Amino acid sequence: MDINDIFEMTIKADDKFINKLSNPFFSVVIRYDDFAEIRKKRIAAFVNMAFYLLRNWQDEVPFFHILKTTFAEESYNGLL
């Protein structure tokens, strides 16, 4: 997974959302440089979280059990 590619996809999604909000009297300018590193760290954390869950995946086991055995409640809350 290339975190920079995913980050670029989030920018495109943001642009689509902002364009829907924009009108002649209201516009939003997002300065991605101000929070790019934070967003990239969050993306990486979610990607890693997904990999950990998939590594422990078993079709016959409920998702909640996989989540609970993969992450202690404190670490899961910290990741979110």
PDB file of N, CA and C in Angstrom:
ATOM      1  N   MET A   1       0.844  -1.185   0.000  1.00  0.00           N
ATOM      2  CA  MET A   1       0.000   0.000   0.000  1.00  0.00           C
ATOM      3  C   MET A   1       0.884   1.242   0.000  1.00  0.00           C
ATOM      4  N   ASP A   2       0.608   2.120  -0.904  1.00  0.00           N
ATOM      5  CA  ASP A   2       1.338   3.375  -0.938  1.00  0.00           C
ATOM      6  C   ASP A   2       0.490   4.438  -0.240  1.00  0.00           C
ATOM      7  N   ILE A   3       0.950   4.856   0.903  1.00  0.00           N
ATOM      8  CA  ILE A   3       0.216   5.823   1.721  1.00  0.00           C
ATOM      9  C   ILE A   3       0.017   7.130   0.956  1.00  0.00           C
ATOM     10  N   ASN A   4       1.011   7.524   0.185  1.00  0.00           N
ATOM     11  CA  ASN A   4       0.878   8.774  -0.587  1.00  0.00           C
ATOM     12  C   ASN A   4      -0.230   8.675  -1.635  1.00  0.00           C
ATOM     13  N   ASP A   5      -0.368   7.502  -2.262  1.00  0.00           N
ATOM     14  CA  ASP A   5      -1.455   7.309  -3.227  1.00  0.00           C
ATOM     15  C   ASP A   5      -2.819   7.395  -2.546  1.00  0.00           C
ATOM     16  N   ILE A   6      -2.924   6.768  -1.389  1.00  0.00           N
ATOM     17  CA  ILE A   6      -4.190   6.835  -0.643  1.00  0.00           C
ATOM     18  C   ILE A   6      -4.471   8.264  -0.214  1.00  0.00           C
ATOM     19  N   PHE A   7      -3.438   8.973   0.220  1.00  0.00           N
ATOM     20  CA  PHE A   7      -3.606  10.374   0.607  1.00  0.00           C
ATOM     21  C   PHE A   7      -4.135  11.194  -0.570  1.00  0.00           C
ATOM     22  N   GLU A   8      -3.586  10.972  -1.759  1.00  0.00           N
ATOM     23  CA  GLU A   8      -4.057  11.687  -2.945  1.00  0.00           C
ATOM     24  C   GLU A   8      -5.527  11.370  -3.235  1.00  0.00           C
ATOM     25  N   MET A   9      -5.929  10.122  -2.991  1.00  0.00           N
ATOM     26  CA  MET A   9      -7.335   9.764  -3.178  1.00  0.00           C
ATOM     27  C   MET A   9      -8.231  10.514  -2.187  1.00  0.00           C
ATOM     28  N   THR A  10      -7.734  10.722  -0.959  1.00  0.00           N
ATOM     29  CA  THR A  10      -8.542  11.465   0.022  1.00  0.00           C
ATOM     30  C   THR A  10      -8.698  12.922  -0.408  1.00  0.00           C
ATOM     31  N   ILE A  11      -7.675  13.458  -1.036  1.00  0.00           N
ATOM     32  CA  ILE A  11      -7.771  14.845  -1.530  1.00  0.00           C
ATOM     33  C   ILE A  11      -8.857  14.936  -2.606  1.00  0.00           C
ATOM     34  N   LYS A  12      -8.888  13.954  -3.510  1.00  0.00           N
ATOM     35  CA  LYS A  12      -9.916  13.950  -4.551  1.00  0.00           C
ATOM     36  C   LYS A  12     -11.313  13.826  -3.948  1.00  0.00           C
ATOM     37  N   ALA A  13     -11.444  12.973  -2.934  1.00  0.00           N
ATOM     38  CA  ALA A  13     -12.746  12.824  -2.267  1.00  0.00           C
ATOM     39  C   ALA A  13     -13.139  14.125  -1.568  1.00  0.00           C
ATOM     40  N   ASP A  14     -12.179  14.766  -0.923  1.00  0.00           N
ATOM     41  CA  ASP A  14     -12.448  16.060  -0.276  1.00  0.00           C
ATOM     42  C   ASP A  14     -12.907  17.088  -1.300  1.00  0.00           C
ATOM     43  N   ASP A  15     -12.219  17.132  -2.431  1.00  0.00           N
ATOM     44  CA  ASP A  15     -12.564  18.101  -3.482  1.00  0.00           C
ATOM     45  C   ASP A  15     -13.996  17.901  -3.980  1.00  0.00           C
ATOM     46  N   LYS A  16     -14.390  16.644  -4.185  1.00  0.00           N
ATOM     47  CA  LYS A  16     -15.758  16.369  -4.624  1.00  0.00           C
ATOM     48  C   LYS A  16     -16.764  16.856  -3.594  1.00  0.00           C
ATOM     49  N   PHE A  17     -16.479  16.583  -2.324  1.00  0.00           N
ATOM     50  CA  PHE A  17     -17.376  17.003  -1.254  1.00  0.00           C
ATOM     51  C   PHE A  17     -17.453  18.524  -1.162  1.00  0.00           C
ATOM     52  N   ILE A  18     -16.303  19.180  -1.196  1.00  0.00           N
ATOM     53  CA  ILE A  18     -16.252  20.644  -1.098  1.00  0.00           C
ATOM     54  C   ILE A  18     -16.948  21.293  -2.287  1.00  0.00           C
ATOM     55  N   ASN A  19     -16.776  20.729  -3.482  1.00  0.00           N
ATOM     56  CA  ASN A  19     -17.433  21.286  -4.675  1.00  0.00           C
ATOM     57  C   ASN A  19     -18.952  21.255  -4.545  1.00  0.00           C
ATOM     58  N   LYS A  20     -19.474  20.247  -3.879  1.00  0.00           N
ATOM     59  CA  LYS A  20     -20.920  20.178  -3.664  1.00  0.00           C
ATOM     60  C   LYS A  20     -21.398  21.272  -2.714  1.00  0.00           C
ATOM     61  N   LEU A  21     -20.529  21.680  -1.783  1.00  0.00           N
ATOM     62  CA  LEU A  21     -20.883  22.707  -0.811  1.00  0.00           C
ATOM     63  C   LEU A  21     -20.724  24.123  -1.351  1.00  0.00           C
ATOM     64  N   SER A  22     -19.836  24.277  -2.282  1.00  0.00           N
ATOM     65  CA  SER A  22     -19.471  25.611  -2.757  1.00  0.00           C
ATOM     66  C   SER A  22     -20.610  26.275  -3.524  1.00  0.00           C
ATOM     67  N   ASN A  23     -20.673  27.577  -3.357  1.00  0.00           N
ATOM     68  CA  ASN A  23     -21.591  28.408  -4.128  1.00  0.00           C
ATOM     69  C   ASN A  23     -20.939  29.783  -4.251  1.00  0.00           C
ATOM     70  N   PRO A  24     -21.558  30.717  -4.954  1.00  0.00           N
ATOM     71  CA  PRO A  24     -20.914  32.024  -5.150  1.00  0.00           C
ATOM     72  C   PRO A  24     -20.618  32.782  -3.851  1.00  0.00           C
ATOM     73  N   PHE A  25     -21.326  32.454  -2.788  1.00  0.00           N
ATOM     74  CA  PHE A  25     -21.143  33.178  -1.525  1.00  0.00           C
ATOM     75  C   PHE A  25     -20.302  32.431  -0.500  1.00  0.00           C
ATOM     76  N   PHE A  26     -19.989  31.187  -0.806  1.00  0.00           N
ATOM     77  CA  PHE A  26     -19.285  30.356   0.174  1.00  0.00           C
ATOM     78  C   PHE A  26     -18.303  29.446  -0.549  1.00  0.00           C
ATOM     79  N   SER A  27     -17.074  29.481  -0.111  1.00  0.00           N
ATOM     80  CA  SER A  27     -16.083  28.565  -0.659  1.00  0.00           C
ATOM     81  C   SER A  27     -15.117  28.168   0.452  1.00  0.00           C
ATOM     82  N   VAL A  28     -14.524  27.017   0.287  1.00  0.00           N
ATOM     83  CA  VAL A  28     -13.596  26.484   1.280  1.00  0.00           C
ATOM     84  C   VAL A  28     -12.271  26.213   0.587  1.00  0.00           C
ATOM     85  N   VAL A  29     -11.211  26.632   1.241  1.00  0.00           N
ATOM     86  CA  VAL A  29      -9.870  26.344   0.751  1.00  0.00           C
ATOM     87  C   VAL A  29      -9.196  25.453   1.791  1.00  0.00           C
ATOM     88  N   ILE A  30      -8.735  24.304   1.346  1.00  0.00           N
ATOM     89  CA  ILE A  30      -8.075  23.372   2.255  1.00  0.00           C
ATOM     90  C   ILE A  30      -6.574  23.436   2.018  1.00  0.00           C
ATOM     91  N   ARG A  31      -5.856  23.703   3.083  1.00  0.00           N
ATOM     92  CA  ARG A  31      -4.389  23.753   3.011  1.00  0.00           C
ATOM     93  C   ARG A  31      -3.846  22.411   3.499  1.00  0.00           C
ATOM     94  N   TYR A  32      -3.675  21.487   2.588  1.00  0.00           N
ATOM     95  CA  TYR A  32      -3.289  20.127   2.939  1.00  0.00           C
ATOM     96  C   TYR A  32      -1.909  20.047   3.586  1.00  0.00           C
ATOM     97  N   ASP A  33      -1.044  20.983   3.262  1.00  0.00           N
ATOM     98  CA  ASP A  33       0.288  20.968   3.873  1.00  0.00           C
ATOM     99  C   ASP A  33       0.219  21.095   5.387  1.00  0.00           C
ATOM    100  N   ASP A  34      -0.845  21.728   5.885  1.00  0.00           N
ATOM    101  CA  ASP A  34      -0.973  21.930   7.331  1.00  0.00           C
ATOM    102  C   ASP A  34      -1.228  20.626   8.089  1.00  0.00           C
ATOM    103  N   PHE A  35      -1.822  19.645   7.440  1.00  0.00           N
ATOM    104  CA  PHE A  35      -2.150  18.414   8.164  1.00  0.00           C
ATOM    105  C   PHE A  35      -1.840  17.139   7.388  1.00  0.00           C
ATOM    106  N   ALA A  36      -1.084  17.245   6.333  1.00  0.00           N
ATOM    107  CA  ALA A  36      -0.777  16.085   5.484  1.00  0.00           C
ATOM    108  C   ALA A  36      -0.104  14.957   6.276  1.00  0.00           C
ATOM    109  N   GLU A  37       0.870  15.290   7.079  1.00  0.00           N
ATOM    110  CA  GLU A  37       1.593  14.238   7.814  1.00  0.00           C
ATOM    111  C   GLU A  37       0.690  13.533   8.819  1.00  0.00           C
ATOM    112  N   ILE A  38      -0.166  14.275   9.471  1.00  0.00           N
ATOM    113  CA  ILE A  38      -1.092  13.664  10.428  1.00  0.00           C
ATOM    114  C   ILE A  38      -2.053  12.726   9.696  1.00  0.00           C
ATOM    115  N   ARG A  39      -2.597  13.191   8.595  1.00  0.00           N
ATOM    116  CA  ARG A  39      -3.540  12.353   7.835  1.00  0.00           C
ATOM    117  C   ARG A  39      -2.839  11.105   7.316  1.00  0.00           C
ATOM    118  N   LYS A  40      -1.610  11.234   6.854  1.00  0.00           N
ATOM    119  CA  LYS A  40      -0.868  10.074   6.360  1.00  0.00           C
ATOM    120  C   LYS A  40      -0.603   9.075   7.489  1.00  0.00           C
ATOM    121  N   LYS A  41      -0.317   9.566   8.684  1.00  0.00           N
ATOM    122  CA  LYS A  41      -0.117   8.666   9.834  1.00  0.00           C
ATOM    123  C   LYS A  41      -1.408   7.925  10.171  1.00  0.00           C
ATOM    124  N   ARG A  42      -2.526   8.611  10.094  1.00  0.00           N
ATOM    125  CA  ARG A  42      -3.818   7.975  10.363  1.00  0.00           C
ATOM    126  C   ARG A  42      -4.136   6.936   9.295  1.00  0.00           C
ATOM    127  N   ILE A  43      -3.853   7.253   8.044  1.00  0.00           N
ATOM    128  CA  ILE A  43      -4.067   6.283   6.960  1.00  0.00           C
ATOM    129  C   ILE A  43      -3.220   5.044   7.209  1.00  0.00           C
ATOM    130  N   ALA A  44      -1.955   5.246   7.550  1.00  0.00           N
ATOM    131  CA  ALA A  44      -1.056   4.112   7.809  1.00  0.00           C
ATOM    132  C   ALA A  44      -1.564   3.276   8.978  1.00  0.00           C
ATOM    133  N   ALA A  45      -2.062   3.919  10.013  1.00  0.00           N
ATOM    134  CA  ALA A  45      -2.587   3.192  11.172  1.00  0.00           C
ATOM    135  C   ALA A  45      -3.784   2.332  10.775  1.00  0.00           C
ATOM    136  N   PHE A  46      -4.687   2.880   9.964  1.00  0.00           N
ATOM    137  CA  PHE A  46      -5.850   2.108   9.527  1.00  0.00           C
ATOM    138  C   PHE A  46      -5.460   0.979   8.587  1.00  0.00           C
ATOM    139  N   VAL A  47      -4.502   1.210   7.718  1.00  0.00           N
ATOM    140  CA  VAL A  47      -4.025   0.151   6.825  1.00  0.00           C
ATOM    141  C   VAL A  47      -3.421  -0.981   7.644  1.00  0.00           C
ATOM    142  N   ASN A  48      -2.578  -0.644   8.613  1.00  0.00           N
ATOM    143  CA  ASN A  48      -1.971  -1.667   9.468  1.00  0.00           C
ATOM    144  C   ASN A  48      -3.034  -2.418  10.259  1.00  0.00           C
ATOM    145  N   MET A  49      -4.021  -1.696  10.748  1.00  0.00           N
ATOM    146  CA  MET A  49      -5.106  -2.316  11.497  1.00  0.00           C
ATOM    147  C   MET A  49      -5.845  -3.329  10.619  1.00  0.00           C
ATOM    148  N   ALA A  50      -6.120  -2.946   9.389  1.00  0.00           N
ATOM    149  CA  ALA A  50      -6.801  -3.856   8.460  1.00  0.00           C
ATOM    150  C   ALA A  50      -5.947  -5.089   8.183  1.00  0.00           C
ATOM    151  N   PHE A  51      -4.639  -4.926   8.022  1.00  0.00           N
ATOM    152  CA  PHE A  51      -3.762  -6.069   7.776  1.00  0.00           C
ATOM    153  C   PHE A  51      -3.749  -7.018   8.974  1.00  0.00           C
ATOM    154  N   TYR A  52      -3.690  -6.467  10.186  1.00  0.00           N
ATOM    155  CA  TYR A  52      -3.716  -7.311  11.389  1.00  0.00           C
ATOM    156  C   TYR A  52      -5.016  -8.109  11.456  1.00  0.00           C
ATOM    157  N   LEU A  53      -6.135  -7.441  11.160  1.00  0.00           N
ATOM    158  CA  LEU A  53      -7.422  -8.138  11.197  1.00  0.00           C
ATOM    159  C   LEU A  53      -7.499  -9.221  10.134  1.00  0.00           C
ATOM    160  N   LEU A  54      -7.049  -8.908   8.930  1.00  0.00           N
ATOM    161  CA  LEU A  54      -7.089  -9.898   7.857  1.00  0.00           C
ATOM    162  C   LEU A  54      -6.159 -11.075   8.130  1.00  0.00           C
ATOM    163  N   ARG A  55      -5.043 -10.811   8.775  1.00  0.00           N
ATOM    164  CA  ARG A  55      -4.109 -11.890   9.105  1.00  0.00           C
ATOM    165  C   ARG A  55      -4.745 -12.883  10.079  1.00  0.00           C
ATOM    166  N   ASN A  56      -5.615 -12.392  10.951  1.00  0.00           N
ATOM    167  CA  ASN A  56      -6.263 -13.247  11.939  1.00  0.00           C
ATOM    168  C   ASN A  56      -7.648 -13.726  11.506  1.00  0.00           C
ATOM    169  N   TRP A  57      -8.033 -13.404  10.277  1.00  0.00           N
ATOM    170  CA  TRP A  57      -9.384 -13.700   9.802  1.00  0.00           C
ATOM    171  C   TRP A  57      -9.628 -15.203   9.706  1.00  0.00           C
ATOM    172  N   GLN A  58     -10.804 -15.599  10.168  1.00  0.00           N
ATOM    173  CA  GLN A  58     -11.288 -16.975  10.025  1.00  0.00           C
ATOM    174  C   GLN A  58     -12.770 -16.870   9.701  1.00  0.00           C
ATOM    175  N   ASP A  59     -13.184 -17.473   8.608  1.00  0.00           N
ATOM    176  CA  ASP A  59     -14.574 -17.342   8.160  1.00  0.00           C
ATOM    177  C   ASP A  59     -15.580 -17.806   9.204  1.00  0.00           C
ATOM    178  N   GLU A  60     -15.243 -18.817   9.958  1.00  0.00           N
ATOM    179  CA  GLU A  60     -16.204 -19.369  10.904  1.00  0.00           C
ATOM    180  C   GLU A  60     -16.257 -18.614  12.237  1.00  0.00           C
ATOM    181  N   VAL A  61     -15.378 -17.653  12.414  1.00  0.00           N
ATOM    182  CA  VAL A  61     -15.327 -16.885  13.665  1.00  0.00           C
ATOM    183  C   VAL A  61     -15.976 -15.523  13.447  1.00  0.00           C
ATOM    184  N   PRO A  62     -16.870 -15.116  14.366  1.00  0.00           N
ATOM    185  CA  PRO A  62     -17.509 -13.790  14.222  1.00  0.00           C
ATOM    186  C   PRO A  62     -16.474 -12.660  14.229  1.00  0.00           C
ATOM    187  N   PHE A  63     -16.777 -11.620  13.447  1.00  0.00           N
ATOM    188  CA  PHE A  63     -15.857 -10.486  13.332  1.00  0.00           C
ATOM    189  C   PHE A  63     -15.516  -9.890  14.693  1.00  0.00           C
ATOM    190  N   PHE A  64     -16.513  -9.738  15.559  1.00  0.00           N
ATOM    191  CA  PHE A  64     -16.266  -9.152  16.879  1.00  0.00           C
ATOM    192  C   PHE A  64     -15.208  -9.937  17.638  1.00  0.00           C
ATOM    193  N   HIS A  65     -15.244 -11.251  17.542  1.00  0.00           N
ATOM    194  CA  HIS A  65     -14.252 -12.072  18.240  1.00  0.00           C
ATOM    195  C   HIS A  65     -12.853 -11.845  17.655  1.00  0.00           C
ATOM    196  N   ILE A  66     -12.784 -11.763  16.337  1.00  0.00           N
ATOM    197  CA  ILE A  66     -11.483 -11.508  15.693  1.00  0.00           C
ATOM    198  C   ILE A  66     -10.948 -10.150  16.130  1.00  0.00           C
ATOM    199  N   LEU A  67     -11.818  -9.153  16.149  1.00  0.00           N
ATOM    200  CA  LEU A  67     -11.415  -7.816  16.580  1.00  0.00           C
ATOM    201  C   LEU A  67     -10.924  -7.837  18.019  1.00  0.00           C
ATOM    202  N   LYS A  68     -11.660  -8.509  18.869  1.00  0.00           N
ATOM    203  CA  LYS A  68     -11.326  -8.555  20.300  1.00  0.00           C
ATOM    204  C   LYS A  68     -10.016  -9.301  20.554  1.00  0.00           C
ATOM    205  N   THR A  69      -9.760 -10.368  19.787  1.00  0.00           N
ATOM    206  CA  THR A  69      -8.522 -11.126  19.994  1.00  0.00           C
ATOM    207  C   THR A  69      -7.325 -10.481  19.302  1.00  0.00           C
ATOM    208  N   THR A  70      -7.576  -9.662  18.292  1.00  0.00           N
ATOM    209  CA  THR A  70      -6.475  -9.003  17.583  1.00  0.00           C
ATOM    210  C   THR A  70      -5.983  -7.781  18.344  1.00  0.00           C
ATOM    211  N   PHE A  71      -6.909  -7.028  18.914  1.00  0.00           N
ATOM    212  CA  PHE A  71      -6.553  -5.784  19.607  1.00  0.00           C
ATOM    213  C   PHE A  71      -7.140  -5.774  21.010  1.00  0.00           C
ATOM    214  N   ALA A  72      -6.284  -5.460  21.980  1.00  0.00           N
ATOM    215  CA  ALA A  72      -6.801  -5.202  23.322  1.00  0.00           C
ATOM    216  C   ALA A  72      -7.651  -3.926  23.234  1.00  0.00           C
ATOM    217  N   GLU A  73      -8.663  -3.823  24.086  1.00  0.00           N
ATOM    218  CA  GLU A  73      -9.583  -2.694  24.002  1.00  0.00           C
ATOM    219  C   GLU A  73      -8.847  -1.357  24.062  1.00  0.00           C
ATOM    220  N   GLU A  74      -7.843  -1.253  24.912  1.00  0.00           N
ATOM    221  CA  GLU A  74      -7.104   0.003  25.046  1.00  0.00           C
ATOM    222  C   GLU A  74      -6.347   0.348  23.761  1.00  0.00           C
ATOM    223  N   SER A  75      -5.731  -0.647  23.146  1.00  0.00           N
ATOM    224  CA  SER A  75      -4.976  -0.368  21.922  1.00  0.00           C
ATOM    225  C   SER A  75      -5.914  -0.060  20.765  1.00  0.00           C
ATOM    226  N   TYR A  76      -7.063  -0.739  20.719  1.00  0.00           N
ATOM    227  CA  TYR A  76      -8.053  -0.456  19.674  1.00  0.00           C
ATOM    228  C   TYR A  76      -8.563   0.972  19.806  1.00  0.00           C
ATOM    229  N   ASN A  77      -8.921   1.371  21.001  1.00  0.00           N
ATOM    230  CA  ASN A  77      -9.386   2.747  21.229  1.00  0.00           C
ATOM    231  C   ASN A  77      -8.293   3.748  20.888  1.00  0.00           C
ATOM    232  N   GLY A  78      -7.051   3.419  21.212  1.00  0.00           N
ATOM    233  CA  GLY A  78      -5.937   4.308  20.889  1.00  0.00           C
ATOM    234  C   GLY A  78      -5.740   4.452  19.386  1.00  0.00           C
ATOM    235  N   LEU A  79      -5.928   3.364  18.660  1.00  0.00           N
ATOM    236  CA  LEU A  79      -5.788   3.424  17.200  1.00  0.00           C
ATOM    237  C   LEU A  79      -6.865   4.307  16.590  1.00  0.00           C
ATOM    238  N   LEU A  80      -8.078   4.165  17.095  1.00  0.00           N
ATOM    239  CA  LEU A  80      -9.163   4.982  16.544  1.00  0.00           C
ATOM    240  C   LEU A  80      -8.970   6.415  16.924  1.00  0.00           C
TER     241      LEU A  80
END
